[in-house]
C-alpha atoms as a PDB file:
ATOM      1  CA  MET A   1       0.000   0.000   0.000  1.00  0.00           C
ATOM      2  CA  GLN A   2       1.266   3.487  -0.819  1.00  0.00           C
ATOM      3  CA  ALA A   3       2.862   5.359   2.086  1.00  0.00           C
ATOM      4  CA  ALA A   4       0.549   7.814   3.803  1.00  0.00           C
ATOM      5  CA  LYS A   5       1.392  11.478   3.119  1.00  0.00           C
ATOM      6  CA  LEU A   6       1.872  13.440   6.335  1.00  0.00           C
ATOM      7  CA  LEU A   7       2.276  17.232   6.498  1.00  0.00           C
ATOM      8  CA  LEU A   8       4.079  18.340   9.681  1.00  0.00           C
ATOM      9  CA  VAL A   9       3.772  22.047  10.520  1.00  0.00           C
ATOM     10  CA  GLU A  10       6.060  22.794  13.479  1.00  0.00           C
ATOM     11  CA  ASP A  11       8.472  25.710  14.021  1.00  0.00           C
ATOM     12  CA  ASP A  12      10.538  24.115  16.800  1.00  0.00           C
ATOM     13  CA  PRO A  13      13.471  22.715  14.764  1.00  0.00           C
ATOM     14  CA  ALA A  14      14.426  20.050  17.318  1.00  0.00           C
ATOM     15  CA  LEU A  15      10.860  18.772  17.704  1.00  0.00           C
ATOM     16  CA  SER A  16      10.232  18.914  13.961  1.00  0.00           C
ATOM     17  CA  GLU A  17      13.387  16.907  13.259  1.00  0.00           C
ATOM     18  CA  LEU A  18      12.503  14.335  15.922  1.00  0.00           C
ATOM     19  CA  LEU A  19       8.943  13.858  14.666  1.00  0.00           C
ATOM     20  CA  GLU A  20      10.045  13.706  11.025  1.00  0.00           C
ATOM     21  CA  TYR A  21      12.544  10.976  11.960  1.00  0.00           C
ATOM     22  CA  ARG A  22      10.011   8.978  13.982  1.00  0.00           C
ATOM     23  CA  PHE A  23       7.250   9.138  11.375  1.00  0.00           C
ATOM     24  CA  SER A  24       9.608   8.419   8.471  1.00  0.00           C
ATOM     25  CA  ASN A  25      10.781   5.319  10.337  1.00  0.00           C
ATOM     26  CA  GLU A  26       7.140   4.254  10.641  1.00  0.00           C
ATOM     27  CA  GLY A  27       6.765   4.396   6.857  1.00  0.00           C
ATOM     28  CA  TYR A  28       5.111   7.789   6.445  1.00  0.00           C
ATOM     29  CA  ASN A  29       5.981  10.145   3.595  1.00  0.00           C
ATOM     30  CA  VAL A  30       6.678  13.301   5.622  1.00  0.00           C
ATOM     31  CA  ARG A  31       6.847  16.905   4.431  1.00  0.00           C
ATOM     32  CA  THR A  32       7.697  19.613   6.971  1.00  0.00           C
ATOM     33  CA  THR A  33       7.441  23.368   7.235  1.00  0.00           C
ATOM     34  CA  PRO A  34       7.662  25.841  10.141  1.00  0.00           C
ATOM     35  CA  ASP A  35       5.470  28.373   8.329  1.00  0.00           C
ATOM     36  CA  GLY A  36       1.674  28.560   8.191  1.00  0.00           C
ATOM     37  CA  ASP A  37       1.540  30.207   4.767  1.00  0.00           C
ATOM     38  CA  GLU A  38       3.822  27.569   3.277  1.00  0.00           C
ATOM     39  CA  ALA A  39       1.724  24.855   4.914  1.00  0.00           C
ATOM     40  CA  ILE A  40      -1.363  26.067   3.037  1.00  0.00           C
ATOM     41  CA  LEU A  41       0.638  26.134  -0.202  1.00  0.00           C
ATOM     42  CA  LEU A  42       2.048  22.625   0.314  1.00  0.00           C
ATOM     43  CA  ALA A  43      -1.422  21.252   1.111  1.00  0.00           C
ATOM     44  CA  SER A  44      -2.826  22.809  -2.072  1.00  0.00           C
ATOM     45  CA  GLU A  45       0.015  21.406  -4.204  1.00  0.00           C
ATOM     46  CA  GLU A  46      -0.345  17.852  -2.918  1.00  0.00           C
ATOM     47  CA  THR A  47      -3.226  16.945  -0.618  1.00  0.00           C
ATOM     48  CA  PRO A  48      -1.855  15.228   2.493  1.00  0.00           C
ATOM     49  CA  ASP A  49      -3.539  12.255   4.139  1.00  0.00           C
ATOM     50  CA  LEU A  50      -3.066  13.842   7.563  1.00  0.00           C
ATOM     51  CA  VAL A  51      -1.789  17.147   8.998  1.00  0.00           C
ATOM     52  CA  ILE A  52       0.045  17.608  12.291  1.00  0.00           C
ATOM     53  CA  LEU A  53      -0.287  21.309  13.013  1.00  0.00           C
ATOM     54  CA  ASP A  54       1.253  23.411  15.780  1.00  0.00           C
ATOM     55  CA  TRP A  55      -0.904  26.305  17.005  1.00  0.00           C
ATOM     56  CA  MET A  56       1.935  28.822  17.434  1.00  0.00           C
ATOM     57  CA  ILE A  57       3.942  28.870  14.193  1.00  0.00           C
ATOM     58  CA  GLU A  58       5.577  31.389  11.867  1.00  0.00           C
ATOM     59  CA  GLY A  59       3.381  33.351   9.462  1.00  0.00           C
ATOM     60  CA  THR A  60      -0.293  32.459   9.523  1.00  0.00           C
ATOM     61  CA  SER A  61      -1.258  30.933  12.882  1.00  0.00           C
ATOM     62  CA  GLY A  62      -2.051  27.240  13.198  1.00  0.00           C
ATOM     63  CA  ILE A  63      -5.677  27.937  14.093  1.00  0.00           C
ATOM     64  CA  GLU A  64      -6.081  30.005  10.899  1.00  0.00           C
ATOM     65  CA  VAL A  65      -4.311  27.337   8.824  1.00  0.00           C
ATOM     66  CA  CYS A  66      -6.790  24.815  10.233  1.00  0.00           C
ATOM     67  CA  ARG A  67      -9.698  27.088   9.340  1.00  0.00           C
ATOM     68  CA  ARG A  68      -8.469  27.586   5.754  1.00  0.00           C
ATOM     69  CA  LEU A  69      -7.840  23.875   5.200  1.00  0.00           C
ATOM     70  CA  ARG A  70     -11.391  23.167   6.313  1.00  0.00           C
ATOM     71  CA  ARG A  71     -12.772  25.802   3.914  1.00  0.00           C
ATOM     72  CA  ASP A  72     -10.955  24.329   0.907  1.00  0.00           C
ATOM     73  CA  LYS A  73     -12.893  21.497  -0.706  1.00  0.00           C
ATOM     74  CA  SER A  74      -9.705  19.571  -1.535  1.00  0.00           C
ATOM     75  CA  THR A  75      -8.547  19.502   2.110  1.00  0.00           C
ATOM     76  CA  ALA A  76     -11.838  19.756   4.027  1.00  0.00           C
ATOM     77  CA  HIS A  77     -11.785  16.008   4.705  1.00  0.00           C
ATOM     78  CA  VAL A  78      -8.113  15.756   5.767  1.00  0.00           C
ATOM     79  CA  PRO A  79      -7.665  14.846   9.468  1.00  0.00           C
ATOM     80  CA  ILE A  80      -5.834  17.491  11.505  1.00  0.00           C
ATOM     81  CA  ILE A  81      -4.096  16.895  14.831  1.00  0.00           C
ATOM     82  CA  MET A  82      -3.198  20.140  16.588  1.00  0.00           C
ATOM     83  CA  LEU A  83      -0.171  20.568  18.853  1.00  0.00           C
ATOM     84  CA  THR A  84      -0.123  23.401  21.351  1.00  0.00           C
ATOM     85  CA  ALA A  85       1.244  24.673  24.647  1.00  0.00           C
ATOM     86  CA  ARG A  86      -2.203  26.116  25.406  1.00  0.00           C
ATOM     87  CA  GLU A  87      -3.802  24.079  28.175  1.00  0.00           C
ATOM     88  CA  THR A  88      -7.097  25.808  28.955  1.00  0.00           C
ATOM     89  CA  GLU A  89     -10.381  24.143  28.101  1.00  0.00           C
ATOM     90  CA  ASP A  90     -11.469  27.184  26.056  1.00  0.00           C
ATOM     91  CA  ASP A  91      -8.407  26.816  23.821  1.00  0.00           C
ATOM     92  CA  ARG A  92      -9.041  23.102  23.302  1.00  0.00           C
ATOM     93  CA  VAL A  93     -12.668  23.776  22.441  1.00  0.00           C
ATOM     94  CA  ARG A  94     -11.665  26.572  20.041  1.00  0.00           C
ATOM     95  CA  GLY A  95      -9.232  24.269  18.259  1.00  0.00           C
ATOM     96  CA  LEU A  96     -11.776  21.484  17.903  1.00  0.00           C
ATOM     97  CA  GLU A  97     -14.541  23.858  16.807  1.00  0.00           C
ATOM     98  CA  THR A  98     -12.235  25.272  14.126  1.00  0.00           C
ATOM     99  CA  GLY A  99     -11.987  21.792  12.649  1.00  0.00           C
ATOM    100  CA  ALA A 100      -9.173  19.910  14.389  1.00  0.00           C
ATOM    101  CA  ASP A 101      -9.862  16.197  14.799  1.00  0.00           C
ATOM    102  CA  ASP A 102      -7.578  15.786  17.796  1.00  0.00           C
ATOM    103  CA  TYR A 103      -5.597  17.978  20.172  1.00  0.00           C
ATOM    104  CA  LEU A 104      -2.317  17.247  21.957  1.00  0.00           C
ATOM    105  CA  THR A 105      -0.861  19.567  24.605  1.00  0.00           C
ATOM    106  CA  LYS A 106       2.887  20.149  24.868  1.00  0.00           C
ATOM    107  CA  PRO A 107       4.994  18.643  26.255  1.00  0.00           C
ATOM    108  CA  PHE A 108       3.865  15.284  24.891  1.00  0.00           C
ATOM    109  CA  SER A 109       5.363  11.899  24.176  1.00  0.00           C
ATOM    110  CA  PRO A 110       6.178  11.274  20.485  1.00  0.00           C
ATOM    111  CA  ARG A 111       4.966   7.736  21.147  1.00  0.00           C
ATOM    112  CA  GLU A 112       1.518   9.076  22.097  1.00  0.00           C
ATOM    113  CA  LEU A 113       1.374  11.221  18.947  1.00  0.00           C
ATOM    114  CA  LEU A 114       2.357   8.186  16.842  1.00  0.00           C
ATOM    115  CA  ALA A 115      -0.443   6.200  18.469  1.00  0.00           C
ATOM    116  CA  ARG A 116      -3.006   8.902  17.789  1.00  0.00           C
ATOM    117  CA  VAL A 117      -1.926   9.266  14.158  1.00  0.00           C
ATOM    118  CA  SER A 118      -2.050   5.478  13.729  1.00  0.00           C
ATOM    119  CA  ALA A 119      -5.584   5.429  15.114  1.00  0.00           C
ATOM    120  CA  VAL A 120      -6.699   8.097  12.637  1.00  0.00           C
ATOM    121  CA  MET A 121      -4.979   6.341   9.720  1.00  0.00           C
ATOM    122  CA  ARG A 122      -6.653   3.017  10.558  1.00  0.00           C
ATOM    123  CA  ARG A 123      -9.966   4.816  10.234  1.00  0.00           C
ATOM    124  CA  ILE A 124      -9.295   6.646   6.957  1.00  0.00           C
ATOM    125  CA  ARG A 125      -7.221   3.972   5.160  1.00  0.00           C
ATOM    126  CA  PRO A 126     -10.318   2.265   3.693  1.00  0.00           C
ATOM    127  CA  VAL A 127     -11.312   5.614   2.169  1.00  0.00           C
ATOM    128  CA  LEU A 128      -7.896   6.075   0.574  1.00  0.00           C
ATOM    129  CA  ALA A 129      -7.832   2.543  -0.826  1.00  0.00           C
ATOM    130  CA  GLY A 130     -11.380   2.575  -2.165  1.00  0.00           C
ATOM    131  CA  GLU A 131     -12.355  -0.136   0.302  1.00  0.00           C
ATOM    132  CA  THR A 132     -15.624  -0.430   2.186  1.00  0.00           C
ATOM    133  CA  ILE A 133     -16.012   2.282   4.813  1.00  0.00           C
ATOM    134  CA  GLU A 134     -17.641   1.322   8.106  1.00  0.00           C
ATOM    135  CA  ALA A 135     -19.066   3.482  10.873  1.00  0.00           C
ATOM    136  CA  GLY A 136     -21.112   1.792  13.541  1.00  0.00           C
ATOM    137  CA  ASP A 137     -23.730  -0.398  11.853  1.00  0.00           C
ATOM    138  CA  LEU A 138     -23.345   1.403   8.510  1.00  0.00           C
ATOM    139  CA  SER A 139     -21.114   0.298   5.641  1.00  0.00           C
ATOM    140  CA  LEU A 140     -20.487   2.074   2.350  1.00  0.00           C
ATOM    141  CA  ASP A 141     -18.847   0.496  -0.683  1.00  0.00           C
ATOM    142  CA  PRO A 142     -17.388   3.374  -2.773  1.00  0.00           C
ATOM    143  CA  VAL A 143     -16.709   1.075  -5.739  1.00  0.00           C
ATOM    144  CA  ALA A 144     -20.160  -0.534  -5.946  1.00  0.00           C
ATOM    145  CA  HIS A 145     -21.860   2.659  -4.696  1.00  0.00           C
ATOM    146  CA  LYS A 146     -23.776   0.562  -2.176  1.00  0.00           C
ATOM    147  CA  VAL A 147     -24.867   1.458   1.358  1.00  0.00           C
ATOM    148  CA  MET A 148     -25.861  -1.173   3.909  1.00  0.00           C
ATOM    149  CA  ARG A 149     -27.123  -1.092   7.489  1.00  0.00           C
ATOM    150  CA  ARG A 150     -27.108  -4.280   9.540  1.00  0.00           C
ATOM    151  CA  GLY A 151     -26.846  -6.226   6.277  1.00  0.00           C
ATOM    152  CA  LYS A 152     -29.790  -4.460   4.651  1.00  0.00           C
ATOM    153  CA  VAL A 153     -29.128  -2.617   1.373  1.00  0.00           C
ATOM    154  CA  LEU A 154     -30.449   0.949   1.525  1.00  0.00           C
ATOM    155  CA  LYS A 155     -31.687   3.138  -1.308  1.00  0.00           C
ATOM    156  CA  VAL A 156     -29.706   6.377  -1.064  1.00  0.00           C
ATOM    157  CA  GLY A 157     -29.886   9.189  -3.632  1.00  0.00           C
ATOM    158  CA  PRO A 158     -26.685  10.537  -5.236  1.00  0.00           C
ATOM    159  CA  THR A 159     -26.474  13.706  -3.145  1.00  0.00           C
ATOM    160  CA  GLU A 160     -27.360  11.860   0.052  1.00  0.00           C
ATOM    161  CA  TYR A 161     -24.715   9.266  -0.846  1.00  0.00           C
ATOM    162  CA  ARG A 162     -22.002  11.955  -1.100  1.00  0.00           C
ATOM    163  CA  LEU A 163     -23.223  13.480   2.147  1.00  0.00           C
ATOM    164  CA  LEU A 164     -23.132  10.123   3.937  1.00  0.00           C
ATOM    165  CA  LYS A 165     -19.675   9.278   2.566  1.00  0.00           C
ATOM    166  CA  PHE A 166     -18.348  12.605   3.857  1.00  0.00           C
ATOM    167  CA  PHE A 167     -19.867  11.939   7.294  1.00  0.00           C
ATOM    168  CA  MET A 168     -18.511   8.378   7.399  1.00  0.00           C
ATOM    169  CA  GLU A 169     -14.964   9.579   6.707  1.00  0.00           C
ATOM    170  CA  SER A 170     -15.096  11.493  10.029  1.00  0.00           C
ATOM    171  CA  PRO A 171     -17.661   9.804  12.312  1.00  0.00           C
ATOM    172  CA  GLY A 172     -18.518  11.744  15.440  1.00  0.00           C
ATOM    173  CA  ARG A 173     -17.208  15.028  14.109  1.00  0.00           C
ATOM    174  CA  VAL A 174     -19.623  17.948  13.940  1.00  0.00           C
ATOM    175  CA  PHE A 175     -19.842  19.755  10.599  1.00  0.00           C
ATOM    176  CA  SER A 176     -21.501  23.126  10.092  1.00  0.00           C
ATOM    177  CA  ARG A 177     -23.916  23.642   7.212  1.00  0.00           C
ATOM    178  CA  ASN A 178     -21.282  25.720   5.431  1.00  0.00           C
ATOM    179  CA  GLN A 179     -18.712  22.935   5.754  1.00  0.00           C
ATOM    180  CA  LEU A 180     -21.177  20.382   4.381  1.00  0.00           C
ATOM    181  CA  LEU A 181     -22.142  22.731   1.564  1.00  0.00           C
ATOM    182  CA  ASP A 182     -18.508  23.232   0.537  1.00  0.00           C
ATOM    183  CA  ALA A 183     -17.617  19.533   0.823  1.00  0.00           C
ATOM    184  CA  VAL A 184     -20.646  18.056  -0.959  1.00  0.00           C
ATOM    185  CA  TRP A 185     -21.762  20.765  -3.372  1.00  0.00           C
ATOM    186  CA  GLY A 186     -18.479  22.664  -3.835  1.00  0.00           C
ATOM    187  CA  THR A 187     -17.290  26.157  -2.957  1.00  0.00           C
ATOM    188  CA  GLU A 188     -18.581  27.577  -6.238  1.00  0.00           C
ATOM    189  CA  SER A 189     -22.100  26.335  -5.621  1.00  0.00           C
ATOM    190  CA  ASP A 190     -24.947  28.845  -5.246  1.00  0.00           C
ATOM    191  CA  ILE A 191     -27.019  26.347  -3.237  1.00  0.00           C
ATOM    192  CA  GLU A 192     -28.667  27.864  -0.162  1.00  0.00           C
ATOM    193  CA  LEU A 193     -27.811  26.670   3.341  1.00  0.00           C
ATOM    194  CA  ARG A 194     -31.349  25.397   3.931  1.00  0.00           C
ATOM    195  CA  THR A 195     -30.816  22.929   1.085  1.00  0.00           C
ATOM    196  CA  VAL A 196     -28.397  21.114   3.405  1.00  0.00           C
ATOM    197  CA  ASP A 197     -31.241  20.598   5.892  1.00  0.00           C
ATOM    198  CA  VAL A 198     -33.452  19.185   3.133  1.00  0.00           C
ATOM    199  CA  HIS A 199     -30.854  16.597   2.146  1.00  0.00           C
ATOM    200  CA  ILE A 200     -30.141  15.755   5.790  1.00  0.00           C
ATOM    201  CA  ARG A 201     -33.839  14.912   6.159  1.00  0.00           C
ATOM    202  CA  ARG A 202     -33.710  12.782   3.009  1.00  0.00           C
ATOM    203  CA  LEU A 203     -30.594  11.006   4.273  1.00  0.00           C
ATOM    204  CA  ARG A 204     -32.243  10.306   7.618  1.00  0.00           C
ATOM    205  CA  LYS A 205     -35.223   8.840   5.774  1.00  0.00           C
ATOM    206  CA  ALA A 206     -32.944   6.659   3.635  1.00  0.00           C
ATOM    207  CA  LEU A 207     -31.115   5.336   6.710  1.00  0.00           C
ATOM    208  CA  GLU A 208     -34.302   4.397   8.549  1.00  0.00           C
ATOM    209  CA  VAL A 209     -34.432   0.769   9.638  1.00  0.00           C
ATOM    210  CA  GLU A 210     -37.173  -0.343  12.016  1.00  0.00           C
ATOM    211  CA  GLY A 211     -35.941  -0.643  15.565  1.00  0.00           C
ATOM    212  CA  LEU A 212     -32.659   1.178  14.934  1.00  0.00           C
ATOM    213  CA  LYS A 213     -31.618   4.616  16.158  1.00  0.00           C
ATOM    214  CA  ASP A 214     -31.234   7.615  13.823  1.00  0.00           C
ATOM    215  CA  PRO A 215     -27.438   7.869  13.286  1.00  0.00           C
ATOM    216  CA  ILE A 216     -27.535  11.552  12.279  1.00  0.00           C
ATOM    217  CA  ARG A 217     -27.242  13.892  15.262  1.00  0.00           C
ATOM    218  CA  THR A 218     -28.295  17.543  15.129  1.00  0.00           C
ATOM    219  CA  VAL A 219     -26.031  19.764  17.236  1.00  0.00           C
ATOM    220  CA  ARG A 220     -27.843  22.967  18.063  1.00  0.00           C
ATOM    221  CA  SER A 221     -26.195  26.112  16.646  1.00  0.00           C
ATOM    222  CA  ALA A 222     -23.320  23.974  15.297  1.00  0.00           C
ATOM    223  CA  GLY A 223     -24.475  21.556  12.595  1.00  0.00           C
ATOM    224  CA  TYR A 224     -24.694  17.801  12.162  1.00  0.00           C
ATOM    225  CA  SER A 225     -22.625  14.714  12.902  1.00  0.00           C
ATOM    226  CA  LEU A 226     -22.793  10.992  12.209  1.00  0.00           C
ATOM    227  CA  GLU A 227     -22.841   8.927  15.383  1.00  0.00           C
ATOM    228  CA  ALA A 228     -21.249   5.468  15.162  1.00  0.00           C
ATOM    229  CA  VAL A 229     -24.283   3.669  16.641  1.00  0.00           C
END
């Protein structure tokens, strides 16, 4: 299987060198930069499979880099693990709300970061390889374009299928309507935000199986997420 592409954005030279060495030894294809602006450029040139992003970096801040990566359709789905010396709960919440998938406070063990990255890669590898994606009792075959729940084949429309696939690539993560609009319809789309709600309702209807819980969770004032039920 092709080596996973990892973008490491860290302006501490010693830490950057250590992490690059450790991840390269684990078989990752690592690109590094200490600069937020260059990170955005590198991600646009070649979409990484995962980004390790320090909050306090040169140029554009890590939190803004995270925000821009989430706004870009080509990188909106890429997992981001943020590194920071900020320890307060408000900072952690801000990082996660901006779009980070995980958050590690400095100082940390490189072994722990490796474990967290491995956990994320185990989840997204099926997506990269075109294999069946699973989340809870749902499975999606991207080759056959087939969705199943508890062994039952479901009839899912094309837009709802794209919406579900996007959710299943990041189960449990909350996406705003704008994020869903950009990811599923594209940044150039003139679709209204309320259209997202319409297709969420259609997706919920398509996923209905008697006796089973609705896997789509509405998060008030935030958006929607797919729960791995």
